[in-house]
């Protein structure tokens, strides 16, 4: 936490950026907060529901599109607001904010990332590959910090690979892929972010329809199973003939 405070304080002094970067930072903060508050809910195994938050995509894109001060405000605002509205405990919110600041803001300060005046829109392959490697390193570091948090909370019950398996890993990879789309389209023109929001809307609609469809299938399967079990028991009870009935039949004969 102390290291995250130092990084945040250092980032607050790096506010030199084009004027257009601050409205973009506000848009990224609102978008990341919305994705953290309303995550994608997908049916999982054993009749469970798994949530995937894509807020990290805007954090990764903000490493290269926002000044460090704007990125720090975006991360702190989105994570804190989402945690408060979802009823997360205070110590978890502090840990989530600290881990996000160390994972995304610290590399932006270390490698001097962010927008630069007169920068080319289309970068050479070497520059694009380097940016992708930096983003992958940030994602891996964030997963490592989340694994430490799981270990501190769950102890021996922590999964073997921590956050590097299951839904957290899928969420991280999904956010990394989406961040590439956000980065490329925003560098062309900020108006192309409308395409990203349209893709997110279509994804939310599709996931919601899929979740309802799977839930209805499970209910129908459970209803069919219970009905078939009840009918079998009824038939078995009907086939059983009490002994006194057999005695009456024999006497009649």
C-alpha atoms as a PDB file:
ATOM      1  CA  UNK A   1       0.000   0.000   0.000  1.00  0.00           C
ATOM      2  CA  UNK A   2       2.812   2.433   0.854  1.00  0.00           C
ATOM      3  CA  UNK A   3       4.506   1.690  -2.461  1.00  0.00           C
ATOM      4  CA  UNK A   4       1.227   2.329  -4.285  1.00  0.00           C
ATOM      5  CA  UNK A   5       0.908   5.684  -2.510  1.00  0.00           C
ATOM      6  CA  UNK A   6       4.407   6.636  -3.620  1.00  0.00           C
ATOM      7  CA  UNK A   7       3.640   5.669  -7.199  1.00  0.00           C
ATOM      8  CA  UNK A   8       0.373   7.639  -7.116  1.00  0.00           C
ATOM      9  CA  UNK A   9       2.124  10.696  -5.690  1.00  0.00           C
ATOM     10  CA  UNK A  10       4.817  10.518  -8.370  1.00  0.00           C
ATOM     11  CA  UNK A  11       2.204  10.073 -11.107  1.00  0.00           C
ATOM     12  CA  UNK A  12       0.251  13.102  -9.880  1.00  0.00           C
ATOM     13  CA  UNK A  13       3.200  15.319 -10.859  1.00  0.00           C
ATOM     14  CA  UNK A  14       3.266  13.962 -14.431  1.00  0.00           C
ATOM     15  CA  UNK A  15       0.311  15.853 -15.824  1.00  0.00           C
ATOM     16  CA  UNK A  16       1.908  17.407 -18.929  1.00  0.00           C
ATOM     17  CA  UNK A  17      -0.203  16.151 -21.854  1.00  0.00           C
ATOM     18  CA  UNK A  18      -2.345  17.443 -24.712  1.00  0.00           C
ATOM     19  CA  UNK A  19      -5.640  19.045 -23.731  1.00  0.00           C
ATOM     20  CA  UNK A  20      -7.577  16.263 -25.429  1.00  0.00           C
ATOM     21  CA  UNK A  21      -6.122  13.691 -23.004  1.00  0.00           C
ATOM     22  CA  UNK A  22      -8.205  14.829 -20.022  1.00  0.00           C
ATOM     23  CA  UNK A  23     -11.657  14.369 -21.601  1.00  0.00           C
ATOM     24  CA  UNK A  24     -10.399  10.984 -22.773  1.00  0.00           C
ATOM     25  CA  UNK A  25      -9.333  10.179 -19.211  1.00  0.00           C
ATOM     26  CA  UNK A  26     -12.829  11.034 -17.965  1.00  0.00           C
ATOM     27  CA  UNK A  27     -14.365   8.780 -20.600  1.00  0.00           C
ATOM     28  CA  UNK A  28     -12.006   5.930 -19.727  1.00  0.00           C
ATOM     29  CA  UNK A  29     -12.759   6.313 -16.010  1.00  0.00           C
ATOM     30  CA  UNK A  30     -16.524   6.193 -16.548  1.00  0.00           C
ATOM     31  CA  UNK A  31     -16.249   3.241 -18.934  1.00  0.00           C
ATOM     32  CA  UNK A  32     -13.977   1.235 -16.633  1.00  0.00           C
ATOM     33  CA  UNK A  33     -16.237   1.931 -13.651  1.00  0.00           C
ATOM     34  CA  UNK A  34     -19.288   0.805 -15.614  1.00  0.00           C
ATOM     35  CA  UNK A  35     -17.631  -2.441 -16.671  1.00  0.00           C
ATOM     36  CA  UNK A  36     -16.509  -3.102 -13.096  1.00  0.00           C
ATOM     37  CA  UNK A  37     -19.979  -2.439 -11.659  1.00  0.00           C
ATOM     38  CA  UNK A  38     -21.841  -4.464 -14.312  1.00  0.00           C
ATOM     39  CA  UNK A  39     -19.556  -7.356 -15.280  1.00  0.00           C
ATOM     40  CA  UNK A  40     -20.334 -10.061 -17.806  1.00  0.00           C
ATOM     41  CA  UNK A  41     -22.088 -12.967 -16.062  1.00  0.00           C
ATOM     42  CA  UNK A  42     -21.607 -16.304 -17.814  1.00  0.00           C
ATOM     43  CA  UNK A  43     -22.917 -19.742 -16.739  1.00  0.00           C
ATOM     44  CA  UNK A  44     -20.160 -21.931 -15.327  1.00  0.00           C
ATOM     45  CA  UNK A  45     -19.742 -25.471 -14.140  1.00  0.00           C
ATOM     46  CA  UNK A  46     -21.832 -27.105 -11.425  1.00  0.00           C
ATOM     47  CA  UNK A  47     -24.714 -24.673 -11.942  1.00  0.00           C
ATOM     48  CA  UNK A  48     -22.643 -21.612 -11.029  1.00  0.00           C
ATOM     49  CA  UNK A  49     -22.426 -18.131 -12.535  1.00  0.00           C
ATOM     50  CA  UNK A  50     -18.995 -16.627 -13.304  1.00  0.00           C
ATOM     51  CA  UNK A  51     -18.446 -12.864 -13.657  1.00  0.00           C
ATOM     52  CA  UNK A  52     -15.882 -11.295 -15.995  1.00  0.00           C
ATOM     53  CA  UNK A  53     -14.954  -7.629 -15.654  1.00  0.00           C
ATOM     54  CA  UNK A  54     -13.294  -5.958 -18.653  1.00  0.00           C
ATOM     55  CA  UNK A  55     -12.320  -2.766 -16.836  1.00  0.00           C
ATOM     56  CA  UNK A  56      -8.643  -3.689 -17.152  1.00  0.00           C
ATOM     57  CA  UNK A  57      -8.880  -3.134 -20.913  1.00  0.00           C
ATOM     58  CA  UNK A  58      -9.269   0.626 -20.398  1.00  0.00           C
ATOM     59  CA  UNK A  59      -6.435   0.623 -17.850  1.00  0.00           C
ATOM     60  CA  UNK A  60      -4.100  -1.079 -20.326  1.00  0.00           C
ATOM     61  CA  UNK A  61      -5.074   1.267 -23.154  1.00  0.00           C
ATOM     62  CA  UNK A  62      -4.730   4.236 -20.813  1.00  0.00           C
ATOM     63  CA  UNK A  63      -1.091   3.335 -20.175  1.00  0.00           C
ATOM     64  CA  UNK A  64      -0.301   4.503 -23.726  1.00  0.00           C
ATOM     65  CA  UNK A  65      -3.059   7.089 -24.297  1.00  0.00           C
ATOM     66  CA  UNK A  66      -3.230   8.985 -20.991  1.00  0.00           C
ATOM     67  CA  UNK A  67      -0.686  10.884 -18.907  1.00  0.00           C
ATOM     68  CA  UNK A  68       0.318   9.121 -15.674  1.00  0.00           C
ATOM     69  CA  UNK A  69      -1.793  11.508 -13.592  1.00  0.00           C
ATOM     70  CA  UNK A  70      -4.874  10.833 -15.727  1.00  0.00           C
ATOM     71  CA  UNK A  71      -4.256   7.097 -15.610  1.00  0.00           C
ATOM     72  CA  UNK A  72      -3.886   7.188 -11.830  1.00  0.00           C
ATOM     73  CA  UNK A  73      -7.182   9.070 -11.443  1.00  0.00           C
ATOM     74  CA  UNK A  74      -8.904   6.661 -13.850  1.00  0.00           C
ATOM     75  CA  UNK A  75      -7.744   3.580 -11.945  1.00  0.00           C
ATOM     76  CA  UNK A  76      -8.538   4.956  -8.493  1.00  0.00           C
ATOM     77  CA  UNK A  77     -11.961   6.295  -9.493  1.00  0.00           C
ATOM     78  CA  UNK A  78     -13.111   3.157 -11.309  1.00  0.00           C
ATOM     79  CA  UNK A  79     -11.911   0.619  -8.720  1.00  0.00           C
ATOM     80  CA  UNK A  80     -13.090   2.627  -5.703  1.00  0.00           C
ATOM     81  CA  UNK A  81     -16.526   3.427  -7.121  1.00  0.00           C
ATOM     82  CA  UNK A  82     -17.123  -0.157  -8.215  1.00  0.00           C
ATOM     83  CA  UNK A  83     -16.061  -1.510  -4.830  1.00  0.00           C
ATOM     84  CA  UNK A  84     -18.296   0.891  -2.913  1.00  0.00           C
ATOM     85  CA  UNK A  85     -21.380   0.240  -5.026  1.00  0.00           C
ATOM     86  CA  UNK A  86     -20.902  -3.531  -4.922  1.00  0.00           C
ATOM     87  CA  UNK A  87     -20.506  -3.556  -1.150  1.00  0.00           C
ATOM     88  CA  UNK A  88     -16.882  -4.674  -1.061  1.00  0.00           C
ATOM     89  CA  UNK A  89     -15.114  -4.470   2.275  1.00  0.00           C
ATOM     90  CA  UNK A  90     -12.774  -1.550   2.852  1.00  0.00           C
ATOM     91  CA  UNK A  91      -9.562  -3.553   3.103  1.00  0.00           C
ATOM     92  CA  UNK A  92     -10.348  -5.305  -0.180  1.00  0.00           C
ATOM     93  CA  UNK A  93     -10.958  -1.975  -1.922  1.00  0.00           C
ATOM     94  CA  UNK A  94      -7.620  -0.689  -0.625  1.00  0.00           C
ATOM     95  CA  UNK A  95      -5.843  -3.818  -1.852  1.00  0.00           C
ATOM     96  CA  UNK A  96      -7.543  -3.672  -5.256  1.00  0.00           C
ATOM     97  CA  UNK A  97      -6.667  -0.008  -5.744  1.00  0.00           C
ATOM     98  CA  UNK A  98      -3.073  -0.569  -4.626  1.00  0.00           C
ATOM     99  CA  UNK A  99      -2.571  -3.585  -6.891  1.00  0.00           C
ATOM    100  CA  UNK A 100      -4.089  -1.791  -9.893  1.00  0.00           C
ATOM    101  CA  UNK A 101      -1.890   1.283  -9.327  1.00  0.00           C
ATOM    102  CA  UNK A 102       1.250  -0.840  -9.065  1.00  0.00           C
ATOM    103  CA  UNK A 103       0.327  -2.948 -12.106  1.00  0.00           C
ATOM    104  CA  UNK A 104      -0.720  -0.196 -14.527  1.00  0.00           C
ATOM    105  CA  UNK A 105       0.528   3.198 -13.319  1.00  0.00           C
ATOM    106  CA  UNK A 106       4.003   2.089 -12.260  1.00  0.00           C
ATOM    107  CA  UNK A 107       4.973   0.735 -15.735  1.00  0.00           C
ATOM    108  CA  UNK A 108       3.674   3.931 -17.332  1.00  0.00           C
ATOM    109  CA  UNK A 109       6.048   5.930 -15.119  1.00  0.00           C
ATOM    110  CA  UNK A 110       8.927   3.505 -15.484  1.00  0.00           C
ATOM    111  CA  UNK A 111       8.883   3.368 -19.291  1.00  0.00           C
ATOM    112  CA  UNK A 112       7.720   6.977 -19.737  1.00  0.00           C
ATOM    113  CA  UNK A 113       4.584   5.969 -21.595  1.00  0.00           C
ATOM    114  CA  UNK A 114       1.662   8.178 -22.477  1.00  0.00           C
ATOM    115  CA  UNK A 115       0.709  10.492 -25.357  1.00  0.00           C
ATOM    116  CA  UNK A 116       3.385  12.562 -27.008  1.00  0.00           C
ATOM    117  CA  UNK A 117       2.936  15.555 -29.319  1.00  0.00           C
ATOM    118  CA  UNK A 118       3.636  14.829 -32.961  1.00  0.00           C
ATOM    119  CA  UNK A 119       3.386  11.086 -32.448  1.00  0.00           C
ATOM    120  CA  UNK A 120       2.695   8.920 -35.491  1.00  0.00           C
ATOM    121  CA  UNK A 121      -0.637   7.133 -35.556  1.00  0.00           C
ATOM    122  CA  UNK A 122       0.737   3.976 -37.166  1.00  0.00           C
ATOM    123  CA  UNK A 123       3.802   2.708 -35.318  1.00  0.00           C
ATOM    124  CA  UNK A 124       6.361   0.271 -36.738  1.00  0.00           C
ATOM    125  CA  UNK A 125       6.132  -3.397 -35.851  1.00  0.00           C
ATOM    126  CA  UNK A 126       8.960  -3.147 -33.319  1.00  0.00           C
ATOM    127  CA  UNK A 127       7.191  -0.391 -31.362  1.00  0.00           C
ATOM    128  CA  UNK A 128       3.854  -2.220 -31.470  1.00  0.00           C
ATOM    129  CA  UNK A 129       5.482  -5.444 -30.284  1.00  0.00           C
ATOM    130  CA  UNK A 130       7.216  -3.621 -27.435  1.00  0.00           C
ATOM    131  CA  UNK A 131       3.940  -2.052 -26.304  1.00  0.00           C
ATOM    132  CA  UNK A 132       2.249  -5.453 -26.399  1.00  0.00           C
ATOM    133  CA  UNK A 133       5.020  -6.959 -24.263  1.00  0.00           C
ATOM    134  CA  UNK A 134       4.678  -4.130 -21.725  1.00  0.00           C
ATOM    135  CA  UNK A 135       0.917  -4.693 -21.559  1.00  0.00           C
ATOM    136  CA  UNK A 136       1.393  -8.443 -21.086  1.00  0.00           C
ATOM    137  CA  UNK A 137       3.888  -7.783 -18.296  1.00  0.00           C
ATOM    138  CA  UNK A 138       1.403  -5.476 -16.566  1.00  0.00           C
ATOM    139  CA  UNK A 139      -1.334  -8.107 -16.815  1.00  0.00           C
ATOM    140  CA  UNK A 140       0.979 -10.806 -15.435  1.00  0.00           C
ATOM    141  CA  UNK A 141       2.049  -8.572 -12.545  1.00  0.00           C
ATOM    142  CA  UNK A 142      -1.582  -7.795 -11.722  1.00  0.00           C
ATOM    143  CA  UNK A 143      -2.400 -11.517 -11.686  1.00  0.00           C
ATOM    144  CA  UNK A 144       0.577 -12.108  -9.402  1.00  0.00           C
ATOM    145  CA  UNK A 145      -0.676  -9.482  -6.947  1.00  0.00           C
ATOM    146  CA  UNK A 146      -4.160 -10.993  -7.062  1.00  0.00           C
ATOM    147  CA  UNK A 147      -2.652 -14.404  -6.330  1.00  0.00           C
ATOM    148  CA  UNK A 148      -0.942 -12.965  -3.257  1.00  0.00           C
ATOM    149  CA  UNK A 149      -4.276 -11.535  -2.132  1.00  0.00           C
ATOM    150  CA  UNK A 150      -5.977 -14.908  -2.577  1.00  0.00           C
ATOM    151  CA  UNK A 151      -3.224 -16.567  -0.574  1.00  0.00           C
ATOM    152  CA  UNK A 152      -3.607 -14.090   2.285  1.00  0.00           C
ATOM    153  CA  UNK A 153      -7.396 -14.518   2.373  1.00  0.00           C
ATOM    154  CA  UNK A 154      -7.899 -18.240   1.719  1.00  0.00           C
ATOM    155  CA  UNK A 155      -4.661 -19.706   3.044  1.00  0.00           C
ATOM    156  CA  UNK A 156      -4.350 -23.414   2.271  1.00  0.00           C
ATOM    157  CA  UNK A 157      -7.607 -23.386   0.277  1.00  0.00           C
ATOM    158  CA  UNK A 158      -6.019 -21.182  -2.403  1.00  0.00           C
ATOM    159  CA  UNK A 159      -5.943 -22.795  -5.884  1.00  0.00           C
ATOM    160  CA  UNK A 160      -2.576 -24.172  -6.900  1.00  0.00           C
ATOM    161  CA  UNK A 161      -1.978 -21.594  -9.623  1.00  0.00           C
ATOM    162  CA  UNK A 162      -3.711 -18.756  -7.786  1.00  0.00           C
ATOM    163  CA  UNK A 163      -5.140 -16.171 -10.187  1.00  0.00           C
ATOM    164  CA  UNK A 164      -3.272 -17.725 -13.128  1.00  0.00           C
ATOM    165  CA  UNK A 165      -6.082 -20.214 -13.735  1.00  0.00           C
ATOM    166  CA  UNK A 166      -9.805 -20.240 -14.284  1.00  0.00           C
ATOM    167  CA  UNK A 167     -11.922 -17.079 -14.620  1.00  0.00           C
ATOM    168  CA  UNK A 168      -9.216 -14.590 -13.500  1.00  0.00           C
ATOM    169  CA  UNK A 169      -6.897 -15.739 -16.286  1.00  0.00           C
ATOM    170  CA  UNK A 170      -9.674 -15.625 -18.902  1.00  0.00           C
ATOM    171  CA  UNK A 171     -10.661 -12.158 -17.679  1.00  0.00           C
ATOM    172  CA  UNK A 172      -7.071 -10.912 -17.965  1.00  0.00           C
ATOM    173  CA  UNK A 173      -6.574 -12.263 -21.491  1.00  0.00           C
ATOM    174  CA  UNK A 174      -9.951 -10.918 -22.590  1.00  0.00           C
ATOM    175  CA  UNK A 175      -9.065  -7.465 -21.244  1.00  0.00           C
ATOM    176  CA  UNK A 176      -5.687  -7.564 -22.996  1.00  0.00           C
ATOM    177  CA  UNK A 177      -7.288  -8.367 -26.360  1.00  0.00           C
ATOM    178  CA  UNK A 178      -9.916  -5.648 -25.948  1.00  0.00           C
ATOM    179  CA  UNK A 179      -7.259  -3.107 -24.959  1.00  0.00           C
ATOM    180  CA  UNK A 180      -5.513  -3.599 -28.312  1.00  0.00           C
ATOM    181  CA  UNK A 181      -8.744  -2.699 -30.112  1.00  0.00           C
ATOM    182  CA  UNK A 182      -9.254   0.365 -27.914  1.00  0.00           C
ATOM    183  CA  UNK A 183      -5.650   1.505 -28.411  1.00  0.00           C
ATOM    184  CA  UNK A 184      -5.632   1.187 -32.188  1.00  0.00           C
ATOM    185  CA  UNK A 185      -9.038   2.798 -32.768  1.00  0.00           C
ATOM    186  CA  UNK A 186      -8.408   5.674 -30.354  1.00  0.00           C
ATOM    187  CA  UNK A 187      -5.107   6.502 -32.024  1.00  0.00           C
ATOM    188  CA  UNK A 188      -6.922   6.745 -35.343  1.00  0.00           C
ATOM    189  CA  UNK A 189      -9.589   9.026 -33.870  1.00  0.00           C
ATOM    190  CA  UNK A 190     -11.344   9.144 -30.468  1.00  0.00           C
ATOM    191  CA  UNK A 191     -14.698   8.976 -32.230  1.00  0.00           C
ATOM    192  CA  UNK A 192     -13.938   5.352 -33.129  1.00  0.00           C
ATOM    193  CA  UNK A 193     -14.484   4.508 -29.468  1.00  0.00           C
ATOM    194  CA  UNK A 194     -18.140   4.341 -30.449  1.00  0.00           C
ATOM    195  CA  UNK A 195     -17.288   1.123 -32.291  1.00  0.00           C
ATOM    196  CA  UNK A 196     -15.796  -0.300 -29.079  1.00  0.00           C
ATOM    197  CA  UNK A 197     -18.892   0.601 -27.066  1.00  0.00           C
ATOM    198  CA  UNK A 198     -21.077  -0.962 -29.753  1.00  0.00           C
ATOM    199  CA  UNK A 199     -19.045  -4.174 -29.550  1.00  0.00           C
ATOM    200  CA  UNK A 200     -19.381  -4.178 -25.768  1.00  0.00           C
ATOM    201  CA  UNK A 201     -23.134  -3.666 -26.047  1.00  0.00           C
ATOM    202  CA  UNK A 202     -23.484  -6.559 -28.486  1.00  0.00           C
ATOM    203  CA  UNK A 203     -21.352  -8.749 -26.213  1.00  0.00           C
ATOM    204  CA  UNK A 204     -23.475  -7.874 -23.169  1.00  0.00           C
ATOM    205  CA  UNK A 205     -26.679  -8.631 -25.081  1.00  0.00           C
ATOM    206  CA  UNK A 206     -25.343 -11.954 -26.371  1.00  0.00           C
ATOM    207  CA  UNK A 207     -24.041 -13.049 -22.960  1.00  0.00           C
ATOM    208  CA  UNK A 208     -27.346 -12.145 -21.310  1.00  0.00           C
ATOM    209  CA  UNK A 209     -29.345 -14.122 -23.890  1.00  0.00           C
ATOM    210  CA  UNK A 210     -26.972 -17.076 -23.522  1.00  0.00           C
ATOM    211  CA  UNK A 211     -27.270 -17.007 -19.729  1.00  0.00           C
ATOM    212  CA  UNK A 212     -31.072 -16.986 -19.879  1.00  0.00           C
ATOM    213  CA  UNK A 213     -31.060 -19.795 -22.433  1.00  0.00           C
ATOM    214  CA  UNK A 214     -28.772 -22.002 -20.347  1.00  0.00           C
ATOM    215  CA  UNK A 215     -30.788 -21.262 -17.190  1.00  0.00           C
ATOM    216  CA  UNK A 216     -34.032 -22.275 -18.922  1.00  0.00           C
ATOM    217  CA  UNK A 217     -32.424 -25.487 -20.179  1.00  0.00           C
ATOM    218  CA  UNK A 218     -31.281 -26.368 -16.665  1.00  0.00           C
ATOM    219  CA  UNK A 219     -34.748 -25.744 -15.247  1.00  0.00           C
ATOM    220  CA  UNK A 220     -36.369 -27.899 -17.917  1.00  0.00           C
ATOM    221  CA  UNK A 221     -33.831 -30.664 -17.313  1.00  0.00           C
ATOM    222  CA  UNK A 222     -34.441 -30.570 -13.558  1.00  0.00           C
ATOM    223  CA  UNK A 223     -38.216 -30.573 -14.068  1.00  0.00           C
ATOM    224  CA  UNK A 224     -38.036 -33.515 -16.465  1.00  0.00           C
ATOM    225  CA  UNK A 225     -35.810 -35.461 -14.079  1.00  0.00           C
ATOM    226  CA  UNK A 226     -38.094 -34.896 -11.093  1.00  0.00           C
ATOM    227  CA  UNK A 227     -41.192 -35.791 -13.115  1.00  0.00           C
ATOM    228  CA  UNK A 228     -39.669 -38.990 -14.454  1.00  0.00           C
ATOM    229  CA  UNK A 229     -38.491 -40.012 -10.984  1.00  0.00           C
ATOM    230  CA  UNK A 230     -41.955 -39.453  -9.521  1.00  0.00           C
ATOM    231  CA  UNK A 231     -43.718 -41.419 -12.277  1.00  0.00           C
ATOM    232  CA  UNK A 232     -41.380 -44.362 -11.869  1.00  0.00           C
ATOM    233  CA  UNK A 233     -42.018 -44.505  -8.153  1.00  0.00           C
ATOM    234  CA  UNK A 234     -45.774 -44.355  -8.761  1.00  0.00           C
ATOM    235  CA  UNK A 235     -45.629 -47.184 -11.231  1.00  0.00           C
ATOM    236  CA  UNK A 236     -43.555 -49.278  -8.856  1.00  0.00           C
ATOM    237  CA  UNK A 237     -46.039 -48.678  -6.054  1.00  0.00           C
ATOM    238  CA  UNK A 238     -48.914 -49.689  -8.316  1.00  0.00           C
ATOM    239  CA  UNK A 239     -47.210 -52.923  -9.330  1.00  0.00           C
ATOM    240  CA  UNK A 240     -46.717 -54.020  -5.727  1.00  0.00           C
ATOM    241  CA  UNK A 241     -49.618 -56.159  -4.467  1.00  0.00           C
ATOM    242  CA  UNK A 242     -50.105 -56.517  -0.709  1.00  0.00           C
ATOM    243  CA  UNK A 243     -50.132 -59.980   0.802  1.00  0.00           C
ATOM    244  CA  UNK A 244     -53.659 -59.726   2.115  1.00  0.00           C
ATOM    245  CA  UNK A 245     -54.901 -59.040  -1.402  1.00  0.00           C
ATOM    246  CA  UNK A 246     -53.214 -62.218  -2.568  1.00  0.00           C
ATOM    247  CA  UNK A 247     -54.839 -64.068   0.313  1.00  0.00           C
ATOM    248  CA  UNK A 248     -58.277 -62.817  -0.695  1.00  0.00           C
ATOM    249  CA  UNK A 249     -57.744 -63.902  -4.247  1.00  0.00           C
ATOM    250  CA  UNK A 250     -56.718 -67.360  -3.176  1.00  0.00           C
ATOM    251  CA  UNK A 251     -59.760 -67.719  -0.908  1.00  0.00           C
ATOM    252  CA  UNK A 252     -62.102 -66.603  -3.638  1.00  0.00           C
ATOM    253  CA  UNK A 253     -60.660 -69.168  -5.924  1.00  0.00           C
END
